[in-house]
Every structure is written in structure tokens, then in C-alpha cells.
Amino acid sequence: MALVDDIMEILSEMHPDVDFTSHQTLIDDKILDSFDIVTLIAEMSNEFDVTIPANEIVPENFNSAPALAAMVSRLLDE
């Protein structure tokens, strides 16, 4: 699950005060509310060299590191 680990590392760099090692659900812990989604999308796009389409920018796609990894993995396969 290297992709999840990569995403966890990016999230940890963006929010060093949050413990992402538990793969916690971001929405459940209200952590997603503190994220700048535009910055998050830019980080994901730059790190994995993918374009995240506007229709992919919904909370369900950003609610956990595994969800982010699944989305990025699918985009990388396209």
C-alpha cells in the first residue's frame, strides 16, 4: 500500500499536528474541515502528476487516506 503511505506523508507534511498513522477517517474527526481543499488537490496533482477533474472534488473522495489513494490510483491508471 505504498500509495496510501505516500498520501499519508503528504497529509502529515500539510498538517504536522495531526496523527495520521492510525489511518483515521478525516471527516469523522472533523479534520477535513481544517484542510484547504484547493491546496490538497494541488499537492495530490503535483505529487502524482495527475489532474484531478472538478467532478472528482467531492468530500467522499477526500474522507480518508485510503479514499485518496484509490482516487489517485484510478487517475494514474487512466
PDB file of N, CA and C in Angstrom:
ATOM      1  N   MET A   1       0.827  -1.200   0.000  1.00  0.00           N
ATOM      2  CA  MET A   1       0.000   0.000   0.000  1.00  0.00           C
ATOM      3  C   MET A   1       0.862   1.251   0.000  1.00  0.00           C
ATOM      4  N   ALA A   2       1.812   1.301  -0.863  1.00  0.00           N
ATOM      5  CA  ALA A   2       2.740   2.427  -0.906  1.00  0.00           C
ATOM      6  C   ALA A   2       2.018   3.741  -1.220  1.00  0.00           C
ATOM      7  N   LEU A   3       0.991   3.668  -2.051  1.00  0.00           N
ATOM      8  CA  LEU A   3       0.270   4.887  -2.409  1.00  0.00           C
ATOM      9  C   LEU A   3      -0.394   5.511  -1.191  1.00  0.00           C
ATOM     10  N   VAL A   4      -1.007   4.702  -0.350  1.00  0.00           N
ATOM     11  CA  VAL A   4      -1.613   5.222   0.877  1.00  0.00           C
ATOM     12  C   VAL A   4      -0.527   5.856   1.743  1.00  0.00           C
ATOM     13  N   ASP A   5       0.618   5.203   1.843  1.00  0.00           N
ATOM     14  CA  ASP A   5       1.709   5.756   2.644  1.00  0.00           C
ATOM     15  C   ASP A   5       2.181   7.089   2.090  1.00  0.00           C
ATOM     16  N   ASP A   6       2.277   7.189   0.769  1.00  0.00           N
ATOM     17  CA  ASP A   6       2.674   8.457   0.151  1.00  0.00           C
ATOM     18  C   ASP A   6       1.681   9.561   0.474  1.00  0.00           C
ATOM     19  N   ILE A   7       0.398   9.220   0.393  1.00  0.00           N
ATOM     20  CA  ILE A   7      -0.636  10.209   0.688  1.00  0.00           C
ATOM     21  C   ILE A   7      -0.612  10.587   2.161  1.00  0.00           C
ATOM     22  N   MET A   8      -0.413   9.609   3.028  1.00  0.00           N
ATOM     23  CA  MET A   8      -0.318   9.904   4.454  1.00  0.00           C
ATOM     24  C   MET A   8       0.842  10.855   4.729  1.00  0.00           C
ATOM     25  N   GLU A   9       1.957  10.651   4.023  1.00  0.00           N
ATOM     26  CA  GLU A   9       3.117  11.522   4.211  1.00  0.00           C
ATOM     27  C   GLU A   9       2.798  12.955   3.786  1.00  0.00           C
ATOM     28  N   ILE A  10       2.116  13.108   2.650  1.00  0.00           N
ATOM     29  CA  ILE A  10       1.734  14.440   2.184  1.00  0.00           C
ATOM     30  C   ILE A  10       0.809  15.108   3.196  1.00  0.00           C
ATOM     31  N   LEU A  11      -0.198  14.368   3.664  1.00  0.00           N
ATOM     32  CA  LEU A  11      -1.126  14.921   4.643  1.00  0.00           C
ATOM     33  C   LEU A  11      -0.398  15.302   5.923  1.00  0.00           C
ATOM     34  N   SER A  12       0.552  14.488   6.342  1.00  0.00           N
ATOM     35  CA  SER A  12       1.317  14.772   7.564  1.00  0.00           C
ATOM     36  C   SER A  12       2.165  16.021   7.404  1.00  0.00           C
ATOM     37  N   GLU A  13       2.726  16.211   6.213  1.00  0.00           N
ATOM     38  CA  GLU A  13       3.512  17.418   5.961  1.00  0.00           C
ATOM     39  C   GLU A  13       2.625  18.660   5.980  1.00  0.00           C
ATOM     40  N   MET A  14       1.401  18.512   5.467  1.00  0.00           N
ATOM     41  CA  MET A  14       0.481  19.654   5.436  1.00  0.00           C
ATOM     42  C   MET A  14      -0.049  19.985   6.823  1.00  0.00           C
ATOM     43  N   HIS A  15      -0.239  18.965   7.646  1.00  0.00           N
ATOM     44  CA  HIS A  15      -0.795  19.139   8.992  1.00  0.00           C
ATOM     45  C   HIS A  15       0.028  18.324   9.984  1.00  0.00           C
ATOM     46  N   PRO A  16       1.204  18.843  10.364  1.00  0.00           N
ATOM     47  CA  PRO A  16       2.075  18.078  11.258  1.00  0.00           C
ATOM     48  C   PRO A  16       1.492  17.857  12.653  1.00  0.00           C
ATOM     49  N   ASP A  17       0.472  18.619  13.004  1.00  0.00           N
ATOM     50  CA  ASP A  17      -0.144  18.488  14.327  1.00  0.00           C
ATOM     51  C   ASP A  17      -1.146  17.334  14.409  1.00  0.00           C
ATOM     52  N   VAL A  18      -1.427  16.675  13.286  1.00  0.00           N
ATOM     53  CA  VAL A  18      -2.412  15.600  13.254  1.00  0.00           C
ATOM     54  C   VAL A  18      -1.702  14.256  13.119  1.00  0.00           C
ATOM     55  N   ASP A  19      -2.125  13.272  13.900  1.00  0.00           N
ATOM     56  CA  ASP A  19      -1.549  11.928  13.819  1.00  0.00           C
ATOM     57  C   ASP A  19      -2.303  11.131  12.763  1.00  0.00           C
ATOM     58  N   PHE A  20      -1.690  10.977  11.598  1.00  0.00           N
ATOM     59  CA  PHE A  20      -2.314  10.242  10.512  1.00  0.00           C
ATOM     60  C   PHE A  20      -1.920   8.769  10.502  1.00  0.00           C
ATOM     61  N   THR A  21      -1.076   8.349  11.435  1.00  0.00           N
ATOM     62  CA  THR A  21      -0.576   6.976  11.403  1.00  0.00           C
ATOM     63  C   THR A  21      -1.671   5.950  11.638  1.00  0.00           C
ATOM     64  N   SER A  22      -2.772   6.363  12.242  1.00  0.00           N
ATOM     65  CA  SER A  22      -3.862   5.431  12.505  1.00  0.00           C
ATOM     66  C   SER A  22      -4.798   5.276  11.306  1.00  0.00           C
ATOM     67  N   HIS A  23      -4.486   5.975  10.196  1.00  0.00           N
ATOM     68  CA  HIS A  23      -5.359   5.965   9.016  1.00  0.00           C
ATOM     69  C   HIS A  23      -6.784   6.372   9.409  1.00  0.00           C
ATOM     70  N   GLN A  24      -6.862   7.316  10.322  1.00  0.00           N
ATOM     71  CA  GLN A  24      -8.168   7.766  10.815  1.00  0.00           C
ATOM     72  C   GLN A  24      -8.997   8.365   9.685  1.00  0.00           C
ATOM     73  N   THR A  25     -10.287   8.312   9.850  1.00  0.00           N
ATOM     74  CA  THR A  25     -11.174   8.925   8.865  1.00  0.00           C
ATOM     75  C   THR A  25     -11.213  10.413   9.118  1.00  0.00           C
ATOM     76  N   LEU A  26     -10.873  11.164   8.103  1.00  0.00           N
ATOM     77  CA  LEU A  26     -10.730  12.603   8.283  1.00  0.00           C
ATOM     78  C   LEU A  26     -12.053  13.290   8.564  1.00  0.00           C
ATOM     79  N   ILE A  27     -13.108  12.870   7.896  1.00  0.00           N
ATOM     80  CA  ILE A  27     -14.401  13.529   8.107  1.00  0.00           C
ATOM     81  C   ILE A  27     -14.919  13.248   9.507  1.00  0.00           C
ATOM     82  N   ASP A  28     -14.819  11.994   9.965  1.00  0.00           N
ATOM     83  CA  ASP A  28     -15.324  11.650  11.288  1.00  0.00           C
ATOM     84  C   ASP A  28     -14.686  12.495  12.376  1.00  0.00           C
ATOM     85  N   ASP A  29     -13.400  12.808  12.207  1.00  0.00           N
ATOM     86  CA  ASP A  29     -12.694  13.576  13.220  1.00  0.00           C
ATOM     87  C   ASP A  29     -12.720  15.074  12.930  1.00  0.00           C
ATOM     88  N   LYS A  30     -13.504  15.470  11.939  1.00  0.00           N
ATOM     89  CA  LYS A  30     -13.649  16.878  11.563  1.00  0.00           C
ATOM     90  C   LYS A  30     -12.326  17.497  11.123  1.00  0.00           C
ATOM     91  N   ILE A  31     -11.367  16.667  10.755  1.00  0.00           N
ATOM     92  CA  ILE A  31     -10.072  17.190  10.328  1.00  0.00           C
ATOM     93  C   ILE A  31     -10.177  17.766   8.924  1.00  0.00           C
ATOM     94  N   LEU A  32     -11.009  17.156   8.097  1.00  0.00           N
ATOM     95  CA  LEU A  32     -11.149  17.646   6.729  1.00  0.00           C
ATOM     96  C   LEU A  32     -11.560  19.108   6.716  1.00  0.00           C
ATOM     97  N   ASP A  33     -12.350  19.529   7.702  1.00  0.00           N
ATOM     98  CA  ASP A  33     -12.790  20.915   7.755  1.00  0.00           C
ATOM     99  C   ASP A  33     -11.617  21.884   7.824  1.00  0.00           C
ATOM    100  N   SER A  34     -10.484  21.431   8.372  1.00  0.00           N
ATOM    101  CA  SER A  34      -9.336  22.320   8.520  1.00  0.00           C
ATOM    102  C   SER A  34      -8.435  22.326   7.286  1.00  0.00           C
ATOM    103  N   PHE A  35      -8.732  21.480   6.310  1.00  0.00           N
ATOM    104  CA  PHE A  35      -7.907  21.418   5.117  1.00  0.00           C
ATOM    105  C   PHE A  35      -8.347  22.453   4.103  1.00  0.00           C
ATOM    106  N   ASP A  36      -7.399  23.024   3.436  1.00  0.00           N
ATOM    107  CA  ASP A  36      -7.681  23.849   2.275  1.00  0.00           C
ATOM    108  C   ASP A  36      -7.738  22.871   1.103  1.00  0.00           C
ATOM    109  N   ILE A  37      -8.937  22.572   0.636  1.00  0.00           N
ATOM    110  CA  ILE A  37      -9.121  21.549  -0.397  1.00  0.00           C
ATOM    111  C   ILE A  37      -8.335  21.901  -1.662  1.00  0.00           C
ATOM    112  N   VAL A  38      -8.268  23.177  -2.000  1.00  0.00           N
ATOM    113  CA  VAL A  38      -7.517  23.576  -3.189  1.00  0.00           C
ATOM    114  C   VAL A  38      -6.049  23.199  -3.033  1.00  0.00           C
ATOM    115  N   THR A  39      -5.493  23.443  -1.847  1.00  0.00           N
ATOM    116  CA  THR A  39      -4.102  23.094  -1.584  1.00  0.00           C
ATOM    117  C   THR A  39      -3.918  21.580  -1.618  1.00  0.00           C
ATOM    118  N   LEU A  40      -4.852  20.858  -1.028  1.00  0.00           N
ATOM    119  CA  LEU A  40      -4.781  19.406  -1.019  1.00  0.00           C
ATOM    120  C   LEU A  40      -4.795  18.849  -2.442  1.00  0.00           C
ATOM    121  N   ILE A  41      -5.680  19.367  -3.266  1.00  0.00           N
ATOM    122  CA  ILE A  41      -5.767  18.915  -4.656  1.00  0.00           C
ATOM    123  C   ILE A  41      -4.474  19.241  -5.396  1.00  0.00           C
ATOM    124  N   ALA A  42      -3.941  20.428  -5.161  1.00  0.00           N
ATOM    125  CA  ALA A  42      -2.686  20.813  -5.811  1.00  0.00           C
ATOM    126  C   ALA A  42      -1.554  19.887  -5.390  1.00  0.00           C
ATOM    127  N   GLU A  43      -1.484  19.559  -4.105  1.00  0.00           N
ATOM    128  CA  GLU A  43      -0.447  18.647  -3.618  1.00  0.00           C
ATOM    129  C   GLU A  43      -0.577  17.268  -4.249  1.00  0.00           C
ATOM    130  N   MET A  44      -1.807  16.742  -4.300  1.00  0.00           N
ATOM    131  CA  MET A  44      -2.020  15.430  -4.905  1.00  0.00           C
ATOM    132  C   MET A  44      -1.654  15.460  -6.389  1.00  0.00           C
ATOM    133  N   SER A  45      -2.072  16.507  -7.078  1.00  0.00           N
ATOM    134  CA  SER A  45      -1.797  16.622  -8.513  1.00  0.00           C
ATOM    135  C   SER A  45      -0.305  16.697  -8.776  1.00  0.00           C
ATOM    136  N   ASN A  46       0.392  17.513  -7.987  1.00  0.00           N
ATOM    137  CA  ASN A  46       1.836  17.665  -8.185  1.00  0.00           C
ATOM    138  C   ASN A  46       2.590  16.401  -7.822  1.00  0.00           C
ATOM    139  N   GLU A  47       2.264  15.809  -6.697  1.00  0.00           N
ATOM    140  CA  GLU A  47       2.993  14.635  -6.224  1.00  0.00           C
ATOM    141  C   GLU A  47       2.875  13.455  -7.181  1.00  0.00           C
ATOM    142  N   PHE A  48       1.670  13.243  -7.709  1.00  0.00           N
ATOM    143  CA  PHE A  48       1.428  12.065  -8.530  1.00  0.00           C
ATOM    144  C   PHE A  48       1.287  12.383 -10.011  1.00  0.00           C
ATOM    145  N   ASP A  49       1.491  13.662 -10.367  1.00  0.00           N
ATOM    146  CA  ASP A  49       1.432  14.087 -11.758  1.00  0.00           C
ATOM    147  C   ASP A  49       0.130  13.643 -12.425  1.00  0.00           C
ATOM    148  N   VAL A  50      -0.963  13.933 -11.747  1.00  0.00           N
ATOM    149  CA  VAL A  50      -2.290  13.644 -12.301  1.00  0.00           C
ATOM    150  C   VAL A  50      -3.127  14.913 -12.221  1.00  0.00           C
ATOM    151  N   THR A  51      -4.150  14.959 -13.033  1.00  0.00           N
ATOM    152  CA  THR A  51      -5.096  16.059 -12.980  1.00  0.00           C
ATOM    153  C   THR A  51      -6.366  15.556 -12.309  1.00  0.00           C
ATOM    154  N   ILE A  52      -6.772  16.237 -11.260  1.00  0.00           N
ATOM    155  CA  ILE A  52      -7.996  15.851 -10.564  1.00  0.00           C
ATOM    156  C   ILE A  52      -9.136  16.683 -11.138  1.00  0.00           C
ATOM    157  N   PRO A  53     -10.042  16.036 -11.875  1.00  0.00           N
ATOM    158  CA  PRO A  53     -11.147  16.763 -12.513  1.00  0.00           C
ATOM    159  C   PRO A  53     -12.095  17.365 -11.473  1.00  0.00           C
ATOM    160  N   ALA A  54     -12.740  18.452 -11.868  1.00  0.00           N
ATOM    161  CA  ALA A  54     -13.650  19.156 -10.958  1.00  0.00           C
ATOM    162  C   ALA A  54     -14.734  18.234 -10.409  1.00  0.00           C
ATOM    163  N   ASN A  55     -15.216  17.286 -11.226  1.00  0.00           N
ATOM    164  CA  ASN A  55     -16.288  16.407 -10.749  1.00  0.00           C
ATOM    165  C   ASN A  55     -15.793  15.389  -9.728  1.00  0.00           C
ATOM    166  N   GLU A  56     -14.463  15.291  -9.534  1.00  0.00           N
ATOM    167  CA  GLU A  56     -13.907  14.390  -8.526  1.00  0.00           C
ATOM    168  C   GLU A  56     -13.761  15.091  -7.172  1.00  0.00           C
ATOM    169  N   ILE A  57     -13.952  16.402  -7.160  1.00  0.00           N
ATOM    170  CA  ILE A  57     -13.712  17.180  -5.945  1.00  0.00           C
ATOM    171  C   ILE A  57     -14.981  17.186  -5.093  1.00  0.00           C
ATOM    172  N   VAL A  58     -15.201  16.079  -4.424  1.00  0.00           N
ATOM    173  CA  VAL A  58     -16.331  15.926  -3.516  1.00  0.00           C
ATOM    174  C   VAL A  58     -15.801  15.348  -2.207  1.00  0.00           C
ATOM    175  N   PRO A  59     -16.430  15.686  -1.096  1.00  0.00           N
ATOM    176  CA  PRO A  59     -15.907  15.232   0.206  1.00  0.00           C
ATOM    177  C   PRO A  59     -15.679  13.736   0.304  1.00  0.00           C
ATOM    178  N   GLU A  60     -16.506  12.936  -0.342  1.00  0.00           N
ATOM    179  CA  GLU A  60     -16.359  11.486  -0.256  1.00  0.00           C
ATOM    180  C   GLU A  60     -14.996  11.017  -0.767  1.00  0.00           C
ATOM    181  N   ASN A  61     -14.410  11.759  -1.696  1.00  0.00           N
ATOM    182  CA  ASN A  61     -13.114  11.375  -2.250  1.00  0.00           C
ATOM    183  C   ASN A  61     -11.949  11.807  -1.370  1.00  0.00           C
ATOM    184  N   PHE A  62     -12.219  12.592  -0.351  1.00  0.00           N
ATOM    185  CA  PHE A  62     -11.166  13.129   0.487  1.00  0.00           C
ATOM    186  C   PHE A  62     -11.381  12.778   1.950  1.00  0.00           C
ATOM    187  N   ASN A  63     -12.166  11.748   2.240  1.00  0.00           N
ATOM    188  CA  ASN A  63     -12.523  11.475   3.634  1.00  0.00           C
ATOM    189  C   ASN A  63     -11.530  10.585   4.351  1.00  0.00           C
ATOM    190  N   SER A  64     -10.571  10.016   3.657  1.00  0.00           N
ATOM    191  CA  SER A  64      -9.566   9.194   4.320  1.00  0.00           C
ATOM    192  C   SER A  64      -8.395   9.000   3.378  1.00  0.00           C
ATOM    193  N   ALA A  65      -7.267   8.632   3.936  1.00  0.00           N
ATOM    194  CA  ALA A  65      -6.104   8.377   3.095  1.00  0.00           C
ATOM    195  C   ALA A  65      -6.367   7.250   2.093  1.00  0.00           C
ATOM    196  N   PRO A  66      -7.023   6.142   2.502  1.00  0.00           N
ATOM    197  CA  PRO A  66      -7.308   5.105   1.505  1.00  0.00           C
ATOM    198  C   PRO A  66      -8.219   5.596   0.373  1.00  0.00           C
ATOM    199  N   ALA A  67      -9.173   6.468   0.693  1.00  0.00           N
ATOM    200  CA  ALA A  67     -10.046   7.002  -0.355  1.00  0.00           C
ATOM    201  C   ALA A  67      -9.246   7.871  -1.321  1.00  0.00           C
ATOM    202  N   LEU A  68      -8.358   8.689  -0.771  1.00  0.00           N
ATOM    203  CA  LEU A  68      -7.492   9.491  -1.630  1.00  0.00           C
ATOM    204  C   LEU A  68      -6.611   8.598  -2.495  1.00  0.00           C
ATOM    205  N   ALA A  69      -6.053   7.566  -1.885  1.00  0.00           N
ATOM    206  CA  ALA A  69      -5.181   6.661  -2.627  1.00  0.00           C
ATOM    207  C   ALA A  69      -5.936   5.967  -3.753  1.00  0.00           C
ATOM    208  N   ALA A  70      -7.164   5.545  -3.488  1.00  0.00           N
ATOM    209  CA  ALA A  70      -7.964   4.880  -4.518  1.00  0.00           C
ATOM    210  C   ALA A  70      -8.234   5.827  -5.680  1.00  0.00           C
ATOM    211  N   MET A  71      -8.558   7.083  -5.354  1.00  0.00           N
ATOM    212  CA  MET A  71      -8.835   8.050  -6.405  1.00  0.00           C
ATOM    213  C   MET A  71      -7.580   8.311  -7.230  1.00  0.00           C
ATOM    214  N   VAL A  72      -6.457   8.552  -6.573  1.00  0.00           N
ATOM    215  CA  VAL A  72      -5.217   8.829  -7.292  1.00  0.00           C
ATOM    216  C   VAL A  72      -4.793   7.617  -8.107  1.00  0.00           C
ATOM    217  N   SER A  73      -4.937   6.432  -7.540  1.00  0.00           N
ATOM    218  CA  SER A  73      -4.582   5.216  -8.265  1.00  0.00           C
ATOM    219  C   SER A  73      -5.406   5.068  -9.531  1.00  0.00           C
ATOM    220  N   ARG A  74      -6.703   5.330  -9.422  1.00  0.00           N
ATOM    221  CA  ARG A  74      -7.567   5.239 -10.605  1.00  0.00           C
ATOM    222  C   ARG A  74      -7.154   6.269 -11.657  1.00  0.00           C
ATOM    223  N   LEU A  75      -6.838   7.487 -11.210  1.00  0.00           N
ATOM    224  CA  LEU A  75      -6.424   8.528 -12.157  1.00  0.00           C
ATOM    225  C   LEU A  75      -5.095   8.178 -12.819  1.00  0.00           C
ATOM    226  N   LEU A  76      -4.182   7.566 -12.058  1.00  0.00           N
ATOM    227  CA  LEU A  76      -2.899   7.171 -12.633  1.00  0.00           C
ATOM    228  C   LEU A  76      -3.079   6.089 -13.689  1.00  0.00           C
ATOM    229  N   ASP A  77      -4.101   5.253 -13.526  1.00  0.00           N
ATOM    230  CA  ASP A  77      -4.353   4.170 -14.480  1.00  0.00           C
ATOM    231  C   ASP A  77      -5.013   4.653 -15.755  1.00  0.00           C
ATOM    232  N   GLU A  78      -5.597   5.851 -15.712  1.00  0.00           N
ATOM    233  CA  GLU A  78      -6.324   6.361 -16.891  1.00  0.00           C
ATOM    234  C   GLU A  78      -5.361   6.853 -17.959  1.00  0.00           C
TER     235      GLU A  78
END
